[in-house]
Amino acid sequence: MAESEPSQIKAALRRAALQRRDGLDAPWRARASAAITAAALALPDLDTGPVSGFWPIRSEIDCRDLLWQLHERGLELCLPVVDRGRQVFRRWTPGDALESRGFGLSEPPDTAPIIDPRVCLVPLAAFDRRGGRLGYGKGYYDQALGDLSRHGHVTAIGLAFSVQEVDRVPVEPHDQLLDLIITEREVVRPAASPHGLRDTPTI
């Protein structure tokens, strides 16, 4: 296989999945985000923290209500920031001010302390049922999850709409697999996971 092939395949899969996601209308995305929130809150995997979330950009699922409810459960929260070329996580509480950054991102200020989450809610462009994930091509989450895993187990939970599923994501040595994927239709536990595969309709 030519060296450039995996990146070319990833780019094509990413482009097609994002087109499908962008084609979903706003009311449907809101209902699906609510279904994903309900499914996530029912999982024992989200009973401990700290938990990292993300502020939605473009047509991503909106997990802000999920973060608020996790805060009400007493869990410590954080959001991702890029600091000197590496992704880290800074403490955040609902109501805290965020700063606008490039790519449409909203991030905690540099004064917020850096913490290591034990559960990461991960945005994505595409996923497969093995836990393969495509992000936006920068590799920040692969780097961050790799860093966190060196300090103990971290659970990576992808949040996505079902239209973002693909048959197979090319997985390279640096790619980090997801432990679960939650869509508006089901909770996918990849077959490689010791938990197996479980489908739970939610919408």
N, C-alpha and C. Protein backbone atom coordinates (compact mmCIF):
# COMPACT_ATOMS: atom_id res chain seq x y z
N MET A 1 0.86 -1.19 0.00
CA MET A 1 0.00 0.00 0.00
C MET A 1 0.89 1.24 0.00
N ALA A 2 0.60 2.16 -0.86
CA ALA A 2 1.37 3.40 -0.91
C ALA A 2 1.22 4.15 0.39
N GLU A 3 2.30 4.87 0.76
CA GLU A 3 2.30 5.55 2.05
C GLU A 3 1.17 6.55 2.18
N SER A 4 0.78 7.18 1.06
CA SER A 4 -0.24 8.23 1.12
C SER A 4 -1.66 7.67 1.14
N GLU A 5 -1.80 6.35 0.88
CA GLU A 5 -3.15 5.79 0.73
C GLU A 5 -4.02 5.96 1.97
N PRO A 6 -3.55 5.59 3.19
CA PRO A 6 -4.44 5.74 4.35
C PRO A 6 -4.93 7.17 4.54
N SER A 7 -4.07 8.15 4.35
CA SER A 7 -4.50 9.54 4.54
C SER A 7 -5.50 9.95 3.47
N GLN A 8 -5.32 9.44 2.25
CA GLN A 8 -6.28 9.76 1.18
C GLN A 8 -7.63 9.12 1.45
N ILE A 9 -7.62 7.88 1.92
CA ILE A 9 -8.87 7.20 2.25
C ILE A 9 -9.56 7.93 3.40
N LYS A 10 -8.79 8.29 4.42
CA LYS A 10 -9.36 9.01 5.56
C LYS A 10 -9.98 10.32 5.12
N ALA A 11 -9.30 11.05 4.24
CA ALA A 11 -9.82 12.35 3.79
C ALA A 11 -11.15 12.17 3.06
N ALA A 12 -11.25 11.14 2.22
CA ALA A 12 -12.49 10.90 1.49
C ALA A 12 -13.62 10.49 2.43
N LEU A 13 -13.32 9.61 3.40
CA LEU A 13 -14.33 9.19 4.36
C LEU A 13 -14.79 10.37 5.21
N ARG A 14 -13.84 11.18 5.65
CA ARG A 14 -14.16 12.36 6.48
C ARG A 14 -15.07 13.32 5.71
N ARG A 15 -14.71 13.60 4.47
CA ARG A 15 -15.47 14.54 3.67
C ARG A 15 -16.91 14.05 3.47
N ALA A 16 -17.08 12.76 3.15
CA ALA A 16 -18.42 12.23 2.91
C ALA A 16 -19.25 12.21 4.20
N ALA A 17 -18.63 11.81 5.31
CA ALA A 17 -19.36 11.75 6.58
C ALA A 17 -19.79 13.14 7.04
N LEU A 18 -18.92 14.12 6.87
CA LEU A 18 -19.28 15.48 7.27
C LEU A 18 -20.37 16.06 6.37
N GLN A 19 -20.37 15.68 5.11
CA GLN A 19 -21.46 16.12 4.22
C GLN A 19 -22.79 15.54 4.68
N ARG A 20 -22.78 14.28 5.10
CA ARG A 20 -24.02 13.68 5.59
C ARG A 20 -24.46 14.37 6.89
N ARG A 21 -23.52 14.64 7.76
CA ARG A 21 -23.86 15.32 9.02
C ARG A 21 -24.38 16.72 8.77
N ASP A 22 -23.74 17.44 7.86
CA ASP A 22 -24.17 18.81 7.55
C ASP A 22 -25.57 18.83 6.92
N GLY A 23 -25.96 17.70 6.32
CA GLY A 23 -27.27 17.64 5.67
C GLY A 23 -28.43 17.42 6.63
N LEU A 24 -28.13 17.15 7.90
CA LEU A 24 -29.19 16.98 8.90
C LEU A 24 -29.73 18.34 9.31
N ASP A 25 -31.06 18.47 9.41
CA ASP A 25 -31.58 19.78 9.78
C ASP A 25 -31.46 20.01 11.29
N ALA A 26 -31.50 21.28 11.68
CA ALA A 26 -31.24 21.67 13.06
C ALA A 26 -32.22 21.03 14.06
N PRO A 27 -33.54 21.01 13.78
CA PRO A 27 -34.45 20.37 14.75
C PRO A 27 -34.15 18.90 14.96
N TRP A 28 -33.79 18.18 13.87
CA TRP A 28 -33.46 16.76 14.02
C TRP A 28 -32.20 16.62 14.84
N ARG A 29 -31.19 17.43 14.59
CA ARG A 29 -29.95 17.36 15.36
C ARG A 29 -30.21 17.61 16.85
N ALA A 30 -31.13 18.53 17.14
CA ALA A 30 -31.45 18.82 18.55
C ALA A 30 -32.10 17.61 19.21
N ARG A 31 -33.04 16.97 18.52
CA ARG A 31 -33.69 15.77 19.08
C ARG A 31 -32.69 14.64 19.25
N ALA A 32 -31.82 14.46 18.26
CA ALA A 32 -30.83 13.39 18.34
C ALA A 32 -29.83 13.67 19.46
N SER A 33 -29.43 14.92 19.63
CA SER A 33 -28.51 15.27 20.73
C SER A 33 -29.15 14.95 22.07
N ALA A 34 -30.46 15.21 22.21
CA ALA A 34 -31.15 14.89 23.46
C ALA A 34 -31.18 13.38 23.69
N ALA A 35 -31.38 12.59 22.63
CA ALA A 35 -31.39 11.14 22.77
C ALA A 35 -30.00 10.62 23.16
N ILE A 36 -28.96 11.21 22.60
CA ILE A 36 -27.59 10.81 22.94
C ILE A 36 -27.30 11.16 24.39
N THR A 37 -27.77 12.32 24.83
CA THR A 37 -27.59 12.72 26.23
C THR A 37 -28.25 11.71 27.17
N ALA A 38 -29.50 11.33 26.85
CA ALA A 38 -30.22 10.37 27.70
C ALA A 38 -29.50 9.03 27.76
N ALA A 39 -29.00 8.57 26.61
CA ALA A 39 -28.29 7.29 26.58
C ALA A 39 -27.00 7.36 27.39
N ALA A 40 -26.29 8.47 27.28
CA ALA A 40 -25.02 8.63 28.00
C ALA A 40 -25.25 8.64 29.50
N LEU A 41 -26.29 9.33 29.94
CA LEU A 41 -26.55 9.44 31.38
C LEU A 41 -26.94 8.10 32.00
N ALA A 42 -27.39 7.16 31.19
CA ALA A 42 -27.78 5.85 31.70
C ALA A 42 -26.60 4.89 31.82
N LEU A 43 -25.43 5.30 31.37
CA LEU A 43 -24.28 4.40 31.35
C LEU A 43 -23.48 4.50 32.65
N PRO A 44 -23.07 3.37 33.21
CA PRO A 44 -22.21 3.42 34.40
C PRO A 44 -20.83 3.99 34.09
N ASP A 45 -20.45 4.00 32.81
CA ASP A 45 -19.14 4.53 32.43
C ASP A 45 -18.99 6.00 32.77
N LEU A 46 -20.11 6.70 32.97
CA LEU A 46 -20.07 8.13 33.27
C LEU A 46 -20.40 8.41 34.73
N ASP A 47 -20.10 7.45 35.59
CA ASP A 47 -20.36 7.64 37.02
C ASP A 47 -19.17 8.25 37.75
N THR A 48 -18.02 8.31 37.09
CA THR A 48 -16.83 8.86 37.73
C THR A 48 -16.21 9.94 36.85
N GLY A 49 -15.46 10.83 37.47
CA GLY A 49 -14.80 11.89 36.74
C GLY A 49 -13.33 11.94 37.08
N PRO A 50 -12.64 12.96 36.64
CA PRO A 50 -13.15 14.06 35.82
C PRO A 50 -13.58 13.60 34.42
N VAL A 51 -14.52 14.36 33.84
CA VAL A 51 -15.03 14.07 32.50
C VAL A 51 -14.71 15.26 31.60
N SER A 52 -14.13 14.99 30.45
CA SER A 52 -13.92 16.05 29.47
C SER A 52 -15.06 16.03 28.46
N GLY A 53 -15.55 17.21 28.12
CA GLY A 53 -16.56 17.34 27.09
C GLY A 53 -16.02 18.18 25.95
N PHE A 54 -16.92 18.75 25.17
CA PHE A 54 -16.49 19.65 24.10
C PHE A 54 -17.63 20.61 23.79
N TRP A 55 -17.26 21.79 23.35
CA TRP A 55 -18.23 22.80 22.93
C TRP A 55 -18.52 22.58 21.46
N PRO A 56 -19.79 22.43 21.05
CA PRO A 56 -20.07 22.05 19.66
C PRO A 56 -19.69 23.13 18.66
N ILE A 57 -19.16 22.68 17.53
CA ILE A 57 -18.89 23.57 16.40
C ILE A 57 -19.61 22.99 15.18
N ARG A 58 -19.94 23.90 14.27
CA ARG A 58 -20.59 23.51 13.02
C ARG A 58 -21.80 22.61 13.30
N SER A 59 -21.85 21.43 12.69
CA SER A 59 -23.04 20.57 12.83
C SER A 59 -22.82 19.44 13.82
N GLU A 60 -21.85 19.57 14.72
CA GLU A 60 -21.61 18.53 15.73
C GLU A 60 -22.81 18.36 16.65
N ILE A 61 -22.86 17.21 17.31
CA ILE A 61 -23.88 17.02 18.33
C ILE A 61 -23.61 18.02 19.46
N ASP A 62 -24.67 18.42 20.12
CA ASP A 62 -24.57 19.39 21.21
C ASP A 62 -24.64 18.63 22.53
N CYS A 63 -23.50 18.54 23.22
CA CYS A 63 -23.47 17.78 24.48
C CYS A 63 -23.46 18.71 25.70
N ARG A 64 -23.85 19.97 25.52
CA ARG A 64 -23.80 20.91 26.64
C ARG A 64 -24.79 20.53 27.74
N ASP A 65 -25.97 20.05 27.38
CA ASP A 65 -26.92 19.64 28.42
C ASP A 65 -26.39 18.42 29.17
N LEU A 66 -25.73 17.52 28.47
CA LEU A 66 -25.11 16.36 29.12
C LEU A 66 -24.07 16.84 30.14
N LEU A 67 -23.24 17.80 29.78
CA LEU A 67 -22.23 18.30 30.70
C LEU A 67 -22.88 18.95 31.92
N TRP A 68 -23.95 19.70 31.69
CA TRP A 68 -24.64 20.34 32.81
C TRP A 68 -25.18 19.29 33.78
N GLN A 69 -25.77 18.22 33.24
CA GLN A 69 -26.33 17.20 34.11
C GLN A 69 -25.23 16.40 34.84
N LEU A 70 -24.10 16.21 34.19
CA LEU A 70 -22.98 15.56 34.88
C LEU A 70 -22.46 16.45 36.00
N HIS A 71 -22.45 17.76 35.76
CA HIS A 71 -22.06 18.71 36.82
C HIS A 71 -23.03 18.61 38.00
N GLU A 72 -24.32 18.49 37.70
CA GLU A 72 -25.32 18.38 38.78
C GLU A 72 -25.16 17.08 39.55
N ARG A 73 -24.57 16.07 38.94
CA ARG A 73 -24.27 14.82 39.65
C ARG A 73 -23.03 14.95 40.54
N GLY A 74 -22.34 16.07 40.41
CA GLY A 74 -21.16 16.29 41.23
C GLY A 74 -19.85 15.93 40.57
N LEU A 75 -19.87 15.65 39.26
CA LEU A 75 -18.64 15.28 38.57
C LEU A 75 -17.84 16.51 38.16
N GLU A 76 -16.53 16.41 38.26
CA GLU A 76 -15.64 17.47 37.81
C GLU A 76 -15.56 17.43 36.29
N LEU A 77 -15.58 18.60 35.65
CA LEU A 77 -15.59 18.69 34.20
C LEU A 77 -14.39 19.47 33.69
N CYS A 78 -14.06 19.22 32.43
CA CYS A 78 -13.02 20.00 31.77
C CYS A 78 -13.31 20.02 30.27
N LEU A 79 -12.64 20.95 29.59
CA LEU A 79 -12.79 21.09 28.14
C LEU A 79 -11.40 21.10 27.50
N PRO A 80 -11.31 20.65 26.25
CA PRO A 80 -10.00 20.59 25.59
C PRO A 80 -9.52 21.97 25.15
N VAL A 81 -8.22 22.16 25.23
CA VAL A 81 -7.57 23.36 24.68
C VAL A 81 -6.27 22.91 24.04
N VAL A 82 -5.84 23.65 23.03
CA VAL A 82 -4.54 23.37 22.42
C VAL A 82 -3.54 24.36 23.01
N ASP A 83 -2.53 23.80 23.65
CA ASP A 83 -1.52 24.60 24.34
C ASP A 83 -0.15 24.24 23.80
N ARG A 84 0.47 25.19 23.08
CA ARG A 84 1.79 24.97 22.49
C ARG A 84 1.84 23.70 21.65
N GLY A 85 0.81 23.54 20.83
CA GLY A 85 0.79 22.45 19.87
C GLY A 85 0.30 21.11 20.39
N ARG A 86 -0.08 21.05 21.69
CA ARG A 86 -0.58 19.80 22.25
C ARG A 86 -1.94 20.05 22.90
N GLN A 87 -2.80 19.06 22.84
CA GLN A 87 -4.11 19.20 23.46
C GLN A 87 -4.04 18.79 24.92
N VAL A 88 -4.53 19.68 25.78
CA VAL A 88 -4.66 19.40 27.21
C VAL A 88 -6.10 19.73 27.59
N PHE A 89 -6.43 19.56 28.86
CA PHE A 89 -7.80 19.78 29.31
C PHE A 89 -7.79 20.72 30.51
N ARG A 90 -8.60 21.77 30.44
CA ARG A 90 -8.67 22.75 31.52
C ARG A 90 -10.03 22.67 32.21
N ARG A 91 -9.99 22.81 33.53
CA ARG A 91 -11.21 22.70 34.33
C ARG A 91 -12.24 23.72 33.86
N TRP A 92 -13.49 23.26 33.84
CA TRP A 92 -14.60 24.12 33.43
C TRP A 92 -15.84 23.72 34.21
N THR A 93 -16.60 24.72 34.63
CA THR A 93 -17.88 24.52 35.30
C THR A 93 -18.95 25.26 34.51
N PRO A 94 -20.13 24.68 34.31
CA PRO A 94 -21.18 25.40 33.58
C PRO A 94 -21.36 26.81 34.14
N GLY A 95 -21.37 27.77 33.23
CA GLY A 95 -21.46 29.18 33.62
C GLY A 95 -20.14 29.90 33.54
N ASP A 96 -19.03 29.16 33.54
CA ASP A 96 -17.72 29.80 33.40
C ASP A 96 -17.58 30.41 32.02
N ALA A 97 -16.91 31.54 31.95
CA ALA A 97 -16.68 32.21 30.67
C ALA A 97 -15.71 31.39 29.81
N LEU A 98 -15.95 31.39 28.51
CA LEU A 98 -15.06 30.74 27.54
C LEU A 98 -14.51 31.79 26.59
N GLU A 99 -13.37 31.49 26.01
CA GLU A 99 -12.74 32.39 25.06
C GLU A 99 -12.86 31.81 23.65
N SER A 100 -13.15 32.70 22.69
CA SER A 100 -13.26 32.26 21.30
C SER A 100 -11.87 32.07 20.71
N ARG A 101 -11.68 30.95 20.03
CA ARG A 101 -10.39 30.64 19.40
C ARG A 101 -10.64 30.29 17.93
N GLY A 102 -9.58 29.98 17.23
CA GLY A 102 -9.69 29.61 15.83
C GLY A 102 -10.52 28.37 15.61
N PHE A 103 -10.98 28.18 14.37
CA PHE A 103 -11.75 27.00 13.97
C PHE A 103 -13.15 27.01 14.61
N GLY A 104 -13.55 28.17 15.17
CA GLY A 104 -14.86 28.27 15.80
C GLY A 104 -14.92 27.69 17.19
N LEU A 105 -13.76 27.42 17.80
CA LEU A 105 -13.71 26.79 19.11
C LEU A 105 -13.96 27.77 20.24
N SER A 106 -14.54 27.28 21.33
CA SER A 106 -14.69 28.02 22.58
C SER A 106 -13.97 27.24 23.66
N GLU A 107 -13.02 27.90 24.34
CA GLU A 107 -12.15 27.19 25.27
C GLU A 107 -12.04 27.94 26.59
N PRO A 108 -11.77 27.21 27.68
CA PRO A 108 -11.50 27.88 28.96
C PRO A 108 -10.26 28.76 28.83
N PRO A 109 -10.16 29.80 29.64
CA PRO A 109 -8.98 30.67 29.58
C PRO A 109 -7.74 29.97 30.10
N ASP A 110 -6.59 30.56 29.82
CA ASP A 110 -5.32 29.97 30.25
C ASP A 110 -5.18 29.94 31.77
N THR A 111 -6.00 30.70 32.46
CA THR A 111 -5.93 30.71 33.93
C THR A 111 -6.61 29.50 34.56
N ALA A 112 -7.43 28.78 33.79
CA ALA A 112 -8.11 27.59 34.33
C ALA A 112 -7.09 26.46 34.49
N PRO A 113 -7.13 25.75 35.60
CA PRO A 113 -6.12 24.70 35.83
C PRO A 113 -6.26 23.54 34.86
N ILE A 114 -5.12 22.95 34.51
CA ILE A 114 -5.09 21.75 33.67
C ILE A 114 -5.35 20.54 34.56
N ILE A 115 -6.26 19.66 34.12
CA ILE A 115 -6.53 18.42 34.85
C ILE A 115 -6.56 17.27 33.85
N ASP A 116 -6.39 16.06 34.35
CA ASP A 116 -6.42 14.86 33.50
C ASP A 116 -7.76 14.17 33.66
N PRO A 117 -8.59 14.16 32.60
CA PRO A 117 -9.87 13.44 32.70
C PRO A 117 -9.66 11.94 32.69
N ARG A 118 -10.58 11.22 33.33
CA ARG A 118 -10.58 9.76 33.26
C ARG A 118 -11.61 9.27 32.24
N VAL A 119 -12.54 10.15 31.85
CA VAL A 119 -13.50 9.86 30.79
C VAL A 119 -13.47 11.02 29.81
N CYS A 120 -13.31 10.72 28.53
CA CYS A 120 -13.29 11.75 27.49
C CYS A 120 -14.48 11.56 26.56
N LEU A 121 -15.35 12.55 26.49
CA LEU A 121 -16.40 12.61 25.48
C LEU A 121 -15.77 13.23 24.24
N VAL A 122 -15.74 12.47 23.15
CA VAL A 122 -14.90 12.82 22.01
C VAL A 122 -15.76 13.15 20.79
N PRO A 123 -15.55 14.32 20.19
CA PRO A 123 -16.23 14.63 18.93
C PRO A 123 -15.55 13.88 17.79
N LEU A 124 -16.22 13.76 16.67
CA LEU A 124 -15.61 13.04 15.56
C LEU A 124 -16.30 13.38 14.25
N ALA A 125 -15.60 13.04 13.17
CA ALA A 125 -16.18 13.18 11.84
C ALA A 125 -16.81 11.87 11.38
N ALA A 126 -16.14 10.73 11.69
CA ALA A 126 -16.65 9.42 11.28
C ALA A 126 -16.16 8.36 12.26
N PHE A 127 -16.87 7.23 12.30
CA PHE A 127 -16.49 6.13 13.18
C PHE A 127 -16.87 4.81 12.55
N ASP A 128 -16.26 3.73 13.05
CA ASP A 128 -16.71 2.39 12.66
C ASP A 128 -16.94 1.56 13.92
N ARG A 129 -17.44 0.36 13.75
CA ARG A 129 -17.84 -0.46 14.90
C ARG A 129 -16.67 -1.16 15.59
N ARG A 130 -15.49 -0.99 15.07
CA ARG A 130 -14.31 -1.49 15.77
C ARG A 130 -13.78 -0.46 16.77
N GLY A 131 -14.38 0.74 16.77
CA GLY A 131 -13.87 1.81 17.61
C GLY A 131 -12.96 2.76 16.86
N GLY A 132 -12.81 2.55 15.56
CA GLY A 132 -12.01 3.48 14.76
C GLY A 132 -12.69 4.84 14.68
N ARG A 133 -11.87 5.88 14.72
CA ARG A 133 -12.39 7.25 14.73
C ARG A 133 -11.63 8.12 13.74
N LEU A 134 -12.38 8.95 13.04
CA LEU A 134 -11.78 10.02 12.24
C LEU A 134 -12.15 11.35 12.87
N GLY A 135 -11.14 12.16 13.18
CA GLY A 135 -11.39 13.51 13.65
C GLY A 135 -11.33 14.48 12.49
N TYR A 136 -10.80 15.65 12.75
CA TYR A 136 -10.74 16.67 11.70
C TYR A 136 -9.36 16.74 11.05
N GLY A 137 -8.51 15.78 11.35
CA GLY A 137 -7.26 15.67 10.63
C GLY A 137 -6.04 16.23 11.33
N LYS A 138 -6.19 16.82 12.50
CA LYS A 138 -5.06 17.40 13.21
C LYS A 138 -4.38 16.42 14.17
N GLY A 139 -5.11 15.38 14.59
CA GLY A 139 -4.53 14.38 15.46
C GLY A 139 -4.46 14.75 16.93
N TYR A 140 -5.16 15.82 17.33
CA TYR A 140 -5.05 16.28 18.72
C TYR A 140 -5.59 15.25 19.72
N TYR A 141 -6.75 14.65 19.40
CA TYR A 141 -7.31 13.69 20.35
C TYR A 141 -6.47 12.42 20.42
N ASP A 142 -5.91 11.98 19.29
CA ASP A 142 -5.03 10.81 19.34
C ASP A 142 -3.85 11.10 20.27
N GLN A 143 -3.26 12.29 20.13
CA GLN A 143 -2.14 12.67 20.99
C GLN A 143 -2.57 12.73 22.45
N ALA A 144 -3.71 13.40 22.71
CA ALA A 144 -4.16 13.59 24.10
C ALA A 144 -4.52 12.27 24.76
N LEU A 145 -5.24 11.40 24.04
CA LEU A 145 -5.62 10.11 24.62
C LEU A 145 -4.38 9.25 24.86
N GLY A 146 -3.41 9.33 23.97
CA GLY A 146 -2.17 8.60 24.18
C GLY A 146 -1.44 9.09 25.42
N ASP A 147 -1.39 10.43 25.61
CA ASP A 147 -0.75 10.99 26.80
C ASP A 147 -1.46 10.55 28.07
N LEU A 148 -2.80 10.64 28.07
CA LEU A 148 -3.57 10.29 29.26
C LEU A 148 -3.42 8.82 29.63
N SER A 149 -3.38 7.96 28.62
CA SER A 149 -3.32 6.52 28.88
C SER A 149 -2.01 6.11 29.55
N ARG A 150 -0.98 6.93 29.42
CA ARG A 150 0.29 6.62 30.08
C ARG A 150 0.22 6.85 31.59
N HIS A 151 -0.85 7.53 32.04
CA HIS A 151 -1.01 7.81 33.47
C HIS A 151 -2.15 7.00 34.08
N GLY A 152 -2.65 5.99 33.35
CA GLY A 152 -3.76 5.19 33.83
C GLY A 152 -4.83 5.08 32.77
N HIS A 153 -5.81 4.22 33.02
CA HIS A 153 -6.85 3.99 32.01
C HIS A 153 -7.72 5.22 31.83
N VAL A 154 -8.00 5.55 30.59
CA VAL A 154 -8.95 6.61 30.26
C VAL A 154 -9.99 6.01 29.31
N THR A 155 -11.26 6.30 29.57
CA THR A 155 -12.36 5.79 28.74
C THR A 155 -12.71 6.84 27.70
N ALA A 156 -12.58 6.48 26.42
CA ALA A 156 -12.88 7.40 25.31
C ALA A 156 -14.24 7.05 24.73
N ILE A 157 -15.17 7.99 24.81
CA ILE A 157 -16.55 7.78 24.35
C ILE A 157 -16.83 8.74 23.20
N GLY A 158 -17.01 8.20 22.01
CA GLY A 158 -17.34 9.02 20.86
C GLY A 158 -18.82 9.36 20.84
N LEU A 159 -19.14 10.60 20.56
CA LEU A 159 -20.52 11.06 20.43
C LEU A 159 -20.74 11.47 18.97
N ALA A 160 -21.74 10.87 18.34
CA ALA A 160 -21.93 11.12 16.91
C ALA A 160 -23.36 10.81 16.50
N PHE A 161 -23.74 11.29 15.34
CA PHE A 161 -24.99 10.90 14.72
C PHE A 161 -24.75 9.62 13.92
N SER A 162 -25.78 8.80 13.78
CA SER A 162 -25.62 7.51 13.11
C SER A 162 -25.16 7.66 11.66
N VAL A 163 -25.48 8.79 11.01
CA VAL A 163 -25.07 8.97 9.61
C VAL A 163 -23.56 9.10 9.46
N GLN A 164 -22.85 9.24 10.58
CA GLN A 164 -21.39 9.38 10.52
C GLN A 164 -20.67 8.03 10.55
N GLU A 165 -21.44 6.95 10.66
CA GLU A 165 -20.82 5.62 10.65
C GLU A 165 -20.31 5.26 9.26
N VAL A 166 -19.14 4.63 9.21
CA VAL A 166 -18.58 4.11 7.96
C VAL A 166 -18.24 2.65 8.17
N ASP A 167 -18.01 1.92 7.07
CA ASP A 167 -17.72 0.49 7.19
C ASP A 167 -16.40 0.25 7.90
N ARG A 168 -15.39 1.03 7.55
CA ARG A 168 -14.07 0.77 8.13
C ARG A 168 -13.21 2.02 8.07
N VAL A 169 -12.70 2.41 9.21
CA VAL A 169 -11.74 3.51 9.29
C VAL A 169 -10.34 2.92 9.24
N PRO A 170 -9.49 3.36 8.32
CA PRO A 170 -8.10 2.88 8.34
C PRO A 170 -7.43 3.27 9.66
N VAL A 171 -6.91 2.29 10.37
CA VAL A 171 -6.29 2.55 11.68
C VAL A 171 -4.78 2.43 11.55
N GLU A 172 -4.09 3.51 11.86
CA GLU A 172 -2.64 3.55 11.82
C GLU A 172 -2.10 3.45 13.25
N PRO A 173 -0.79 3.21 13.40
CA PRO A 173 -0.24 2.98 14.74
C PRO A 173 -0.52 4.09 15.75
N HIS A 174 -0.60 5.33 15.28
CA HIS A 174 -0.81 6.45 16.21
C HIS A 174 -2.28 6.65 16.58
N ASP A 175 -3.19 5.98 15.88
CA ASP A 175 -4.62 6.20 16.11
C ASP A 175 -5.08 5.54 17.41
N GLN A 176 -5.89 6.27 18.16
CA GLN A 176 -6.45 5.76 19.42
C GLN A 176 -7.89 5.31 19.17
N LEU A 177 -8.22 4.09 19.62
CA LEU A 177 -9.56 3.56 19.43
C LEU A 177 -10.51 4.06 20.51
N LEU A 178 -11.78 4.11 20.17
CA LEU A 178 -12.83 4.49 21.11
C LEU A 178 -13.29 3.27 21.90
N ASP A 179 -13.62 3.48 23.17
CA ASP A 179 -14.17 2.41 23.99
C ASP A 179 -15.67 2.23 23.76
N LEU A 180 -16.36 3.32 23.47
CA LEU A 180 -17.80 3.29 23.16
C LEU A 180 -18.08 4.37 22.13
N ILE A 181 -19.17 4.17 21.40
CA ILE A 181 -19.72 5.22 20.54
C ILE A 181 -21.20 5.31 20.85
N ILE A 182 -21.68 6.51 21.11
CA ILE A 182 -23.11 6.73 21.38
C ILE A 182 -23.70 7.53 20.24
N THR A 183 -24.73 6.98 19.60
CA THR A 183 -25.49 7.71 18.59
C THR A 183 -26.93 7.82 19.07
N GLU A 184 -27.76 8.48 18.28
CA GLU A 184 -29.17 8.62 18.64
C GLU A 184 -29.90 7.28 18.55
N ARG A 185 -29.29 6.29 17.93
CA ARG A 185 -29.93 4.99 17.75
C ARG A 185 -29.45 3.93 18.73
N GLU A 186 -28.18 4.01 19.15
CA GLU A 186 -27.61 2.90 19.89
C GLU A 186 -26.34 3.30 20.63
N VAL A 187 -25.96 2.40 21.53
CA VAL A 187 -24.65 2.47 22.17
C VAL A 187 -23.82 1.33 21.62
N VAL A 188 -22.73 1.64 20.97
CA VAL A 188 -21.86 0.64 20.36
C VAL A 188 -20.66 0.42 21.26
N ARG A 189 -20.50 -0.82 21.70
CA ARG A 189 -19.28 -1.22 22.41
C ARG A 189 -18.49 -2.08 21.43
N PRO A 190 -17.40 -1.54 20.91
CA PRO A 190 -16.67 -2.26 19.86
C PRO A 190 -16.33 -3.69 20.26
N ALA A 191 -16.33 -4.57 19.25
CA ALA A 191 -16.10 -5.99 19.50
C ALA A 191 -14.76 -6.23 20.17
N ALA A 192 -13.78 -5.34 19.92
CA ALA A 192 -12.47 -5.50 20.54
C ALA A 192 -12.50 -5.18 22.02
N SER A 193 -13.57 -4.50 22.47
CA SER A 193 -13.68 -4.15 23.87
C SER A 193 -14.06 -5.38 24.69
N PRO A 194 -13.58 -5.49 25.94
CA PRO A 194 -13.98 -6.62 26.77
C PRO A 194 -15.47 -6.63 27.07
N HIS A 195 -16.14 -5.49 26.82
CA HIS A 195 -17.58 -5.40 27.09
C HIS A 195 -18.41 -5.96 25.93
N GLY A 196 -17.77 -6.19 24.78
CA GLY A 196 -18.51 -6.70 23.63
C GLY A 196 -19.32 -5.61 22.96
N LEU A 197 -20.30 -6.02 22.17
CA LEU A 197 -21.12 -5.09 21.39
C LEU A 197 -22.54 -5.12 21.93
N ARG A 198 -23.08 -3.92 22.19
CA ARG A 198 -24.44 -3.86 22.74
C ARG A 198 -25.20 -2.75 22.02
N ASP A 199 -26.37 -3.08 21.52
CA ASP A 199 -27.21 -2.09 20.86
C ASP A 199 -28.39 -1.77 21.75
N THR A 200 -28.61 -0.45 21.98
CA THR A 200 -29.74 -0.03 22.80
C THR A 200 -30.46 1.11 22.12
N PRO A 201 -31.55 0.83 21.43
CA PRO A 201 -32.28 1.91 20.74
C PRO A 201 -32.69 2.99 21.72
N THR A 202 -32.51 4.25 21.30
CA THR A 202 -32.85 5.38 22.17
C THR A 202 -33.76 6.40 21.49
N ILE A 203 -34.01 6.25 20.19
CA ILE A 203 -34.87 7.23 19.53
C ILE A 203 -35.69 6.51 18.45
